[in-house]
């Protein structure tokens, strides 16, 4: 079989007869370019992905549990200083953490930026009390 026939068989396998009709209408360079583009497509992977979209998601656990946290207002002065020191050391090392805040925390940090635009680099030289 030649390249065109191989491509047509591939398209038939995956139910792409409408593309076969287009190939048959084209000639020369346009036909070659289309066949080359088609042969770069991983139809098997596309079908697997498509079939996955039709599957029901199985949720193994639907139990919501609290996570542990520390309330800064209830920490002793020594504990606050210890956490501040740990935080400053991490920043100096180039380490960082992700913080999820409830609405309004941007205001409590006395910043003009909205919560989603709050940048750690902008707060570098400020003590943050939440």
Protein backbone atom coordinates (compact mmCIF):
# COMPACT_ATOMS: atom_id res chain seq x y z
CA UNK A 1 0.00 0.00 0.00
CA UNK A 2 1.09 3.55 -0.57
CA UNK A 3 1.00 6.40 1.93
CA UNK A 4 -2.40 7.63 0.73
CA UNK A 5 -4.00 4.20 1.10
CA UNK A 6 -2.45 3.72 4.56
CA UNK A 7 -3.87 7.08 5.63
CA UNK A 8 -7.31 6.23 4.22
CA UNK A 9 -7.32 2.94 6.15
CA UNK A 10 -6.33 4.77 9.32
CA UNK A 11 -9.16 7.26 8.84
CA UNK A 12 -11.69 4.44 8.20
CA UNK A 13 -10.57 2.71 11.40
CA UNK A 14 -11.47 5.82 13.40
CA UNK A 15 -14.68 6.75 11.53
CA UNK A 16 -13.25 9.76 9.69
CA UNK A 17 -14.84 9.14 6.28
CA UNK A 18 -15.53 12.85 5.82
CA UNK A 19 -11.77 13.46 5.81
CA UNK A 20 -11.31 10.69 3.23
CA UNK A 21 -13.73 12.56 0.95
CA UNK A 22 -11.61 15.70 1.33
CA UNK A 23 -8.41 13.79 0.50
CA UNK A 24 -10.03 12.42 -2.66
CA UNK A 25 -10.91 15.96 -3.78
CA UNK A 26 -7.38 17.30 -3.35
CA UNK A 27 -4.40 16.89 -5.66
CA UNK A 28 -0.67 17.43 -5.59
CA UNK A 29 1.00 19.33 -2.80
CA UNK A 30 -2.23 20.09 -0.89
CA UNK A 31 -3.07 16.37 -0.77
CA UNK A 32 0.46 15.47 0.39
CA UNK A 33 0.42 18.13 3.12
CA UNK A 34 -2.96 16.97 4.43
CA UNK A 35 -1.84 13.33 4.48
CA UNK A 36 1.33 14.33 6.32
CA UNK A 37 -0.69 16.26 8.92
CA UNK A 38 -3.11 13.36 9.40
CA UNK A 39 -0.26 10.92 9.94
CA UNK A 40 1.07 13.08 12.78
CA UNK A 41 -2.21 12.66 14.69
CA UNK A 42 -2.33 9.98 17.39
CA UNK A 43 -5.92 8.83 16.78
CA UNK A 44 -5.61 6.07 19.36
CA UNK A 45 -4.75 8.55 22.11
CA UNK A 46 -7.52 10.91 21.03
CA UNK A 47 -10.07 8.09 21.20
CA UNK A 48 -8.83 7.05 24.64
CA UNK A 49 -9.17 10.61 25.88
CA UNK A 50 -12.63 10.93 24.35
CA UNK A 51 -13.76 7.63 25.87
CA UNK A 52 -12.50 8.83 29.25
CA UNK A 53 -14.83 11.85 29.06
CA UNK A 54 -17.82 9.52 28.88
CA UNK A 55 -16.94 7.55 32.00
CA UNK A 56 -18.61 8.19 35.31
CA UNK A 57 -16.20 9.49 37.91
CA UNK A 58 -15.90 7.26 40.91
CA UNK A 59 -15.43 9.26 44.07
CA UNK A 60 -13.71 6.99 46.51
CA UNK A 61 -14.12 9.22 49.54
CA UNK A 62 -16.66 11.93 50.10
CA UNK A 63 -15.77 12.57 53.69
CA UNK A 64 -14.67 16.09 54.60
CA UNK A 65 -12.38 16.38 57.59
CA UNK A 66 -10.92 19.35 59.39
CA UNK A 67 -7.20 19.95 59.06
CA UNK A 68 -5.08 21.05 61.96
CA UNK A 69 -4.15 24.72 62.22
CA UNK A 70 -2.75 27.21 64.64
CA UNK A 71 -4.63 30.34 65.65
CA UNK A 72 -2.01 33.07 65.84
CA UNK A 73 -4.10 35.00 68.38
CA UNK A 74 -3.77 32.07 70.79
CA UNK A 75 0.00 31.63 70.44
CA UNK A 76 2.35 32.77 73.16
CA UNK A 77 4.86 35.55 72.43
CA UNK A 78 7.66 32.93 72.31
CA UNK A 79 5.73 30.76 69.84
CA UNK A 80 5.06 33.77 67.58
CA UNK A 81 8.75 34.72 67.64
CA UNK A 82 9.73 31.13 66.84
CA UNK A 83 7.40 31.05 63.82
CA UNK A 84 8.59 34.48 62.68
CA UNK A 85 12.20 33.27 62.86
CA UNK A 86 11.38 30.09 60.94
CA UNK A 87 9.55 32.12 58.30
CA UNK A 88 12.37 34.62 57.89
CA UNK A 89 14.93 31.80 57.56
CA UNK A 90 12.82 30.11 54.88
CA UNK A 91 12.51 33.38 52.92
CA UNK A 92 16.28 33.94 53.11
CA UNK A 93 16.82 30.44 51.67
CA UNK A 94 14.48 31.23 48.78
CA UNK A 95 11.81 28.88 50.07
CA UNK A 96 8.16 29.81 50.13
CA UNK A 97 4.76 28.41 50.97
CA UNK A 98 1.28 28.74 49.56
CA UNK A 99 -1.27 30.40 51.79
CA UNK A 100 -5.01 30.21 51.30
CA UNK A 101 -6.81 33.16 52.84
CA UNK A 102 -10.45 33.86 53.41
CA UNK A 103 -11.90 36.95 51.77
CA UNK A 104 -10.84 40.24 53.31
CA UNK A 105 -7.32 39.18 54.31
CA UNK A 106 -5.81 41.56 51.74
CA UNK A 107 -7.45 44.42 53.62
CA UNK A 108 -6.18 43.12 56.94
CA UNK A 109 -2.65 43.14 55.53
CA UNK A 110 -3.17 46.85 54.77
CA UNK A 111 -2.40 46.47 51.08
CA UNK A 112 -3.99 48.19 48.11
CA UNK A 113 -3.80 44.99 46.05
CA UNK A 114 -6.63 42.52 45.78
CA UNK A 115 -6.11 39.13 47.36
CA UNK A 116 -5.32 37.35 44.07
CA UNK A 117 -2.68 39.95 43.16
CA UNK A 118 -0.93 39.91 46.50
CA UNK A 119 2.75 39.24 45.91
CA UNK A 120 5.11 37.82 48.47
CA UNK A 121 7.93 39.94 47.06
CA UNK A 122 5.92 43.11 47.79
CA UNK A 123 5.64 42.04 51.43
CA UNK A 124 9.29 41.09 51.76
CA UNK A 125 10.26 43.83 54.21
CA UNK A 126 7.01 43.95 56.16
CA UNK A 127 5.99 41.87 59.14
CA UNK A 128 2.77 40.07 58.36
CA UNK A 129 0.29 39.53 61.17
CA UNK A 130 -2.74 37.50 60.25
